[in-house]
Amino acid sequence: MTKISRSKQILSEIELFLNAGKYEDAKVLLSFLDDQGLDRESRLHLLLINVTLDGATPHKDEIDGLRD
């Protein structure tokens, strides 16, 4: 399995967890993606998970970065 298709599979599974409200499980799956190679979609998934679990305040800089 190529790296791209593996990433797409993981993102698909993450989407299922997010839809089911299983944010901790989604966060675990995100850890299998290469942080350096995360695309915009992956970073947005990670931010959504973190904000849902931790609240928006600890991630203010990342949220502000999206606005720019």
PDB file of N, CA and C in Angstrom:
ATOM      1  N   MET A   1       0.854  -1.170   0.000  1.00  0.00           N
ATOM      2  CA  MET A   1       0.000   0.000   0.000  1.00  0.00           C
ATOM      3  C   MET A   1       0.901   1.235   0.000  1.00  0.00           C
ATOM      4  N   THR A   2       0.612   2.156  -0.890  1.00  0.00           N
ATOM      5  CA  THR A   2       1.433   3.358  -0.960  1.00  0.00           C
ATOM      6  C   THR A   2       1.127   4.275   0.203  1.00  0.00           C
ATOM      7  N   LYS A   3       2.052   5.201   0.432  1.00  0.00           N
ATOM      8  CA  LYS A   3       1.900   6.136   1.543  1.00  0.00           C
ATOM      9  C   LYS A   3       0.643   6.991   1.377  1.00  0.00           C
ATOM     10  N   ILE A   4       0.349   7.408   0.144  1.00  0.00           N
ATOM     11  CA  ILE A   4      -0.822   8.251  -0.105  1.00  0.00           C
ATOM     12  C   ILE A   4      -2.107   7.486   0.170  1.00  0.00           C
ATOM     13  N   SER A   5      -2.211   6.271  -0.331  1.00  0.00           N
ATOM     14  CA  SER A   5      -3.444   5.516  -0.103  1.00  0.00           C
ATOM     15  C   SER A   5      -3.591   5.134   1.370  1.00  0.00           C
ATOM     16  N   ARG A   6      -2.477   4.910   2.048  1.00  0.00           N
ATOM     17  CA  ARG A   6      -2.529   4.619   3.488  1.00  0.00           C
ATOM     18  C   ARG A   6      -3.066   5.838   4.229  1.00  0.00           C
ATOM     19  N   SER A   7      -2.568   7.014   3.865  1.00  0.00           N
ATOM     20  CA  SER A   7      -3.044   8.246   4.498  1.00  0.00           C
ATOM     21  C   SER A   7      -4.521   8.470   4.224  1.00  0.00           C
ATOM     22  N   LYS A   8      -4.937   8.219   2.994  1.00  0.00           N
ATOM     23  CA  LYS A   8      -6.351   8.391   2.644  1.00  0.00           C
ATOM     24  C   LYS A   8      -7.224   7.429   3.444  1.00  0.00           C
ATOM     25  N   GLN A   9      -6.750   6.198   3.634  1.00  0.00           N
ATOM     26  CA  GLN A   9      -7.495   5.214   4.414  1.00  0.00           C
ATOM     27  C   GLN A   9      -7.619   5.674   5.868  1.00  0.00           C
ATOM     28  N   ILE A  10      -6.528   6.161   6.425  1.00  0.00           N
ATOM     29  CA  ILE A  10      -6.552   6.643   7.808  1.00  0.00           C
ATOM     30  C   ILE A  10      -7.501   7.830   7.929  1.00  0.00           C
ATOM     31  N   LEU A  11      -7.446   8.767   6.980  1.00  0.00           N
ATOM     32  CA  LEU A  11      -8.343   9.920   7.019  1.00  0.00           C
ATOM     33  C   LEU A  11      -9.801   9.493   6.916  1.00  0.00           C
ATOM     34  N   SER A  12     -10.068   8.477   6.117  1.00  0.00           N
ATOM     35  CA  SER A  12     -11.430   7.958   5.994  1.00  0.00           C
ATOM     36  C   SER A  12     -11.911   7.376   7.323  1.00  0.00           C
ATOM     37  N   GLU A  13     -11.044   6.636   7.986  1.00  0.00           N
ATOM     38  CA  GLU A  13     -11.389   6.053   9.281  1.00  0.00           C
ATOM     39  C   GLU A  13     -11.554   7.150  10.343  1.00  0.00           C
ATOM     40  N   ILE A  14     -10.714   8.172  10.272  1.00  0.00           N
ATOM     41  CA  ILE A  14     -10.835   9.305  11.191  1.00  0.00           C
ATOM     42  C   ILE A  14     -12.193   9.969  11.023  1.00  0.00           C
ATOM     43  N   GLU A  15     -12.601  10.150   9.781  1.00  0.00           N
ATOM     44  CA  GLU A  15     -13.903  10.761   9.490  1.00  0.00           C
ATOM     45  C   GLU A  15     -15.034   9.950  10.128  1.00  0.00           C
ATOM     46  N   LEU A  16     -14.942   8.641  10.058  1.00  0.00           N
ATOM     47  CA  LEU A  16     -15.960   7.782  10.683  1.00  0.00           C
ATOM     48  C   LEU A  16     -15.985   7.987  12.199  1.00  0.00           C
ATOM     49  N   PHE A  17     -14.812   8.046  12.817  1.00  0.00           N
ATOM     50  CA  PHE A  17     -14.746   8.271  14.261  1.00  0.00           C
ATOM     51  C   PHE A  17     -15.310   9.640  14.633  1.00  0.00           C
ATOM     52  N   LEU A  18     -14.964  10.663  13.841  1.00  0.00           N
ATOM     53  CA  LEU A  18     -15.488  11.999  14.124  1.00  0.00           C
ATOM     54  C   LEU A  18     -17.011  12.026  14.038  1.00  0.00           C
ATOM     55  N   ASN A  19     -17.548  11.394  13.016  1.00  0.00           N
ATOM     56  CA  ASN A  19     -19.000  11.352  12.853  1.00  0.00           C
ATOM     57  C   ASN A  19     -19.687  10.616  13.993  1.00  0.00           C
ATOM     58  N   ALA A  20     -18.970   9.660  14.590  1.00  0.00           N
ATOM     59  CA  ALA A  20     -19.527   8.885  15.704  1.00  0.00           C
ATOM     60  C   ALA A  20     -19.246   9.544  17.053  1.00  0.00           C
ATOM     61  N   GLY A  21     -18.527  10.681  17.040  1.00  0.00           N
ATOM     62  CA  GLY A  21     -18.205  11.363  18.290  1.00  0.00           C
ATOM     63  C   GLY A  21     -17.093  10.696  19.077  1.00  0.00           C
ATOM     64  N   LYS A  22     -16.316   9.857  18.432  1.00  0.00           N
ATOM     65  CA  LYS A  22     -15.217   9.145  19.094  1.00  0.00           C
ATOM     66  C   LYS A  22     -13.910   9.897  18.838  1.00  0.00           C
ATOM     67  N   TYR A  23     -13.779  11.057  19.502  1.00  0.00           N
ATOM     68  CA  TYR A  23     -12.657  11.946  19.245  1.00  0.00           C
ATOM     69  C   TYR A  23     -11.327  11.390  19.727  1.00  0.00           C
ATOM     70  N   GLU A  24     -11.325  10.711  20.848  1.00  0.00           N
ATOM     71  CA  GLU A  24     -10.078  10.112  21.351  1.00  0.00           C
ATOM     72  C   GLU A  24      -9.551   9.085  20.358  1.00  0.00           C
ATOM     73  N   ASP A  25     -10.450   8.262  19.805  1.00  0.00           N
ATOM     74  CA  ASP A  25     -10.041   7.259  18.820  1.00  0.00           C
ATOM     75  C   ASP A  25      -9.514   7.927  17.551  1.00  0.00           C
ATOM     76  N   ALA A  26     -10.166   9.003  17.133  1.00  0.00           N
ATOM     77  CA  ALA A  26      -9.715   9.738  15.950  1.00  0.00           C
ATOM     78  C   ALA A  26      -8.324  10.325  16.186  1.00  0.00           C
ATOM     79  N   LYS A  27      -8.088  10.826  17.384  1.00  0.00           N
ATOM     80  CA  LYS A  27      -6.783  11.413  17.706  1.00  0.00           C
ATOM     81  C   LYS A  27      -5.688  10.356  17.664  1.00  0.00           C
ATOM     82  N   VAL A  28      -6.004   9.158  18.116  1.00  0.00           N
ATOM     83  CA  VAL A  28      -5.026   8.065  18.054  1.00  0.00           C
ATOM     84  C   VAL A  28      -4.670   7.767  16.605  1.00  0.00           C
ATOM     85  N   LEU A  29      -5.673   7.695  15.749  1.00  0.00           N
ATOM     86  CA  LEU A  29      -5.405   7.430  14.335  1.00  0.00           C
ATOM     87  C   LEU A  29      -4.578   8.539  13.697  1.00  0.00           C
ATOM     88  N   LEU A  30      -4.835   9.773  14.072  1.00  0.00           N
ATOM     89  CA  LEU A  30      -4.052  10.877  13.519  1.00  0.00           C
ATOM     90  C   LEU A  30      -2.577  10.749  13.857  1.00  0.00           C
ATOM     91  N   SER A  31      -2.283  10.102  14.966  1.00  0.00           N
ATOM     92  CA  SER A  31      -0.878   9.943  15.355  1.00  0.00           C
ATOM     93  C   SER A  31      -0.123   9.030  14.380  1.00  0.00           C
ATOM     94  N   PHE A  32      -0.844   8.271  13.568  1.00  0.00           N
ATOM     95  CA  PHE A  32      -0.199   7.392  12.594  1.00  0.00           C
ATOM     96  C   PHE A  32       0.194   8.133  11.315  1.00  0.00           C
ATOM     97  N   LEU A  33      -0.286   9.359  11.164  1.00  0.00           N
ATOM     98  CA  LEU A  33       0.087  10.155   9.996  1.00  0.00           C
ATOM     99  C   LEU A  33       1.385  10.900  10.291  1.00  0.00           C
ATOM    100  N   ASP A  34       2.183  11.080   9.297  1.00  0.00           N
ATOM    101  CA  ASP A  34       3.454  11.793   9.417  1.00  0.00           C
ATOM    102  C   ASP A  34       3.177  13.272   9.641  1.00  0.00           C
ATOM    103  N   ASP A  35       3.574  13.794  10.811  1.00  0.00           N
ATOM    104  CA  ASP A  35       3.315  15.198  11.145  1.00  0.00           C
ATOM    105  C   ASP A  35       3.887  16.156  10.118  1.00  0.00           C
ATOM    106  N   GLN A  36       5.061  15.857   9.603  1.00  0.00           N
ATOM    107  CA  GLN A  36       5.689  16.744   8.622  1.00  0.00           C
ATOM    108  C   GLN A  36       4.915  16.732   7.303  1.00  0.00           C
ATOM    109  N   GLY A  37       4.280  15.615   7.010  1.00  0.00           N
ATOM    110  CA  GLY A  37       3.579  15.489   5.741  1.00  0.00           C
ATOM    111  C   GLY A  37       2.093  15.750   5.823  1.00  0.00           C
ATOM    112  N   LEU A  38       1.621  16.241   6.959  1.00  0.00           N
ATOM    113  CA  LEU A  38       0.198  16.484   7.084  1.00  0.00           C
ATOM    114  C   LEU A  38      -0.253  17.567   6.111  1.00  0.00           C
ATOM    115  N   ASP A  39      -1.271  17.260   5.366  1.00  0.00           N
ATOM    116  CA  ASP A  39      -1.825  18.265   4.476  1.00  0.00           C
ATOM    117  C   ASP A  39      -2.839  19.112   5.246  1.00  0.00           C
ATOM    118  N   ARG A  40      -3.406  20.083   4.579  1.00  0.00           N
ATOM    119  CA  ARG A  40      -4.340  21.003   5.232  1.00  0.00           C
ATOM    120  C   ARG A  40      -5.524  20.246   5.835  1.00  0.00           C
ATOM    121  N   GLU A  41      -6.045  19.275   5.111  1.00  0.00           N
ATOM    122  CA  GLU A  41      -7.192  18.509   5.606  1.00  0.00           C
ATOM    123  C   GLU A  41      -6.847  17.775   6.897  1.00  0.00           C
ATOM    124  N   SER A  42      -5.680  17.174   6.938  1.00  0.00           N
ATOM    125  CA  SER A  42      -5.255  16.437   8.132  1.00  0.00           C
ATOM    126  C   SER A  42      -5.072  17.369   9.319  1.00  0.00           C
ATOM    127  N   ARG A  43      -4.462  18.542   9.059  1.00  0.00           N
ATOM    128  CA  ARG A  43      -4.265  19.511  10.137  1.00  0.00           C
ATOM    129  C   ARG A  43      -5.605  20.023  10.668  1.00  0.00           C
ATOM    130  N   LEU A  44      -6.572  20.207   9.775  1.00  0.00           N
ATOM    131  CA  LEU A  44      -7.896  20.639  10.207  1.00  0.00           C
ATOM    132  C   LEU A  44      -8.583  19.565  11.047  1.00  0.00           C
ATOM    133  N   HIS A  45      -8.435  18.309  10.657  1.00  0.00           N
ATOM    134  CA  HIS A  45      -8.981  17.214  11.456  1.00  0.00           C
ATOM    135  C   HIS A  45      -8.369  17.225  12.848  1.00  0.00           C
ATOM    136  N   LEU A  46      -7.056  17.355  12.895  1.00  0.00           N
ATOM    137  CA  LEU A  46      -6.375  17.361  14.188  1.00  0.00           C
ATOM    138  C   LEU A  46      -6.839  18.525  15.051  1.00  0.00           C
ATOM    139  N   LEU A  47      -6.982  19.703  14.449  1.00  0.00           N
ATOM    140  CA  LEU A  47      -7.443  20.861  15.200  1.00  0.00           C
ATOM    141  C   LEU A  47      -8.868  20.649  15.711  1.00  0.00           C
ATOM    142  N   LEU A  48      -9.729  20.103  14.883  1.00  0.00           N
ATOM    143  CA  LEU A  48     -11.104  19.820  15.299  1.00  0.00           C
ATOM    144  C   LEU A  48     -11.126  18.879  16.499  1.00  0.00           C
ATOM    145  N   ILE A  49     -10.330  17.854  16.438  1.00  0.00           N
ATOM    146  CA  ILE A  49     -10.266  16.891  17.535  1.00  0.00           C
ATOM    147  C   ILE A  49      -9.747  17.569  18.802  1.00  0.00           C
ATOM    148  N   ASN A  50      -8.653  18.310  18.669  1.00  0.00           N
ATOM    149  CA  ASN A  50      -8.060  18.957  19.841  1.00  0.00           C
ATOM    150  C   ASN A  50      -9.001  19.980  20.464  1.00  0.00           C
ATOM    151  N   VAL A  51      -9.676  20.773  19.639  1.00  0.00           N
ATOM    152  CA  VAL A  51     -10.605  21.770  20.167  1.00  0.00           C
ATOM    153  C   VAL A  51     -11.792  21.091  20.842  1.00  0.00           C
ATOM    154  N   THR A  52     -12.257  20.004  20.283  1.00  0.00           N
ATOM    155  CA  THR A  52     -13.372  19.280  20.885  1.00  0.00           C
ATOM    156  C   THR A  52     -12.976  18.685  22.225  1.00  0.00           C
ATOM    157  N   LEU A  53     -11.767  18.164  22.310  1.00  0.00           N
ATOM    158  CA  LEU A  53     -11.319  17.525  23.548  1.00  0.00           C
ATOM    159  C   LEU A  53     -10.847  18.534  24.596  1.00  0.00           C
ATOM    160  N   ASP A  54     -10.145  19.590  24.156  1.00  0.00           N
ATOM    161  CA  ASP A  54      -9.485  20.497  25.089  1.00  0.00           C
ATOM    162  C   ASP A  54     -10.146  21.868  25.200  1.00  0.00           C
ATOM    163  N   GLY A  55     -11.043  22.189  24.282  1.00  0.00           N
ATOM    164  CA  GLY A  55     -11.592  23.536  24.217  1.00  0.00           C
ATOM    165  C   GLY A  55     -10.743  24.393  23.288  1.00  0.00           C
ATOM    166  N   ALA A  56     -11.253  25.552  22.942  1.00  0.00           N
ATOM    167  CA  ALA A  56     -10.580  26.397  21.952  1.00  0.00           C
ATOM    168  C   ALA A  56      -9.381  27.168  22.511  1.00  0.00           C
ATOM    169  N   THR A  57      -9.400  27.522  23.776  1.00  0.00           N
ATOM    170  CA  THR A  57      -8.375  28.393  24.341  1.00  0.00           C
ATOM    171  C   THR A  57      -6.947  27.874  24.149  1.00  0.00           C
ATOM    172  N   PRO A  58      -6.653  26.605  24.429  1.00  0.00           N
ATOM    173  CA  PRO A  58      -5.268  26.152  24.255  1.00  0.00           C
ATOM    174  C   PRO A  58      -4.794  26.146  22.792  1.00  0.00           C
ATOM    175  N   HIS A  59      -5.723  26.252  21.869  1.00  0.00           N
ATOM    176  CA  HIS A  59      -5.385  26.151  20.448  1.00  0.00           C
ATOM    177  C   HIS A  59      -5.662  27.454  19.705  1.00  0.00           C
ATOM    178  N   LYS A  60      -5.671  28.553  20.458  1.00  0.00           N
ATOM    179  CA  LYS A  60      -5.995  29.859  19.892  1.00  0.00           C
ATOM    180  C   LYS A  60      -5.078  30.236  18.729  1.00  0.00           C
ATOM    181  N   ASP A  61      -3.783  29.985  18.856  1.00  0.00           N
ATOM    182  CA  ASP A  61      -2.836  30.342  17.800  1.00  0.00           C
ATOM    183  C   ASP A  61      -3.126  29.582  16.503  1.00  0.00           C
ATOM    184  N   GLU A  62      -3.452  28.305  16.632  1.00  0.00           N
ATOM    185  CA  GLU A  62      -3.760  27.510  15.446  1.00  0.00           C
ATOM    186  C   GLU A  62      -5.051  28.005  14.780  1.00  0.00           C
ATOM    187  N   ILE A  63      -6.043  28.336  15.595  1.00  0.00           N
ATOM    188  CA  ILE A  63      -7.309  28.850  15.071  1.00  0.00           C
ATOM    189  C   ILE A  63      -7.081  30.178  14.369  1.00  0.00           C
ATOM    190  N   ASP A  64      -6.298  31.052  15.000  1.00  0.00           N
ATOM    191  CA  ASP A  64      -5.981  32.344  14.391  1.00  0.00           C
ATOM    192  C   ASP A  64      -5.233  32.151  13.080  1.00  0.00           C
ATOM    193  N   GLY A  65      -4.376  31.158  13.029  1.00  0.00           N
ATOM    194  CA  GLY A  65      -3.633  30.859  11.802  1.00  0.00           C
ATOM    195  C   GLY A  65      -4.537  30.482  10.654  1.00  0.00           C
ATOM    196  N   LEU A  66      -5.647  29.837  10.966  1.00  0.00           N
ATOM    197  CA  LEU A  66      -6.606  29.475   9.926  1.00  0.00           C
ATOM    198  C   LEU A  66      -7.312  30.697   9.356  1.00  0.00           C
ATOM    199  N   ARG A  67      -7.454  31.713  10.168  1.00  0.00           N
ATOM    200  CA  ARG A  67      -8.139  32.928   9.737  1.00  0.00           C
ATOM    201  C   ARG A  67      -7.293  33.758   8.778  1.00  0.00           C
ATOM    202  N   ASP A  68      -5.983  33.582   8.839  1.00  0.00           N
ATOM    203  CA  ASP A  68      -5.093  34.391   8.000  1.00  0.00           C
ATOM    204  C   ASP A  68      -5.013  33.896   6.590  1.00  0.00           C
TER     205      ASP A  68
END
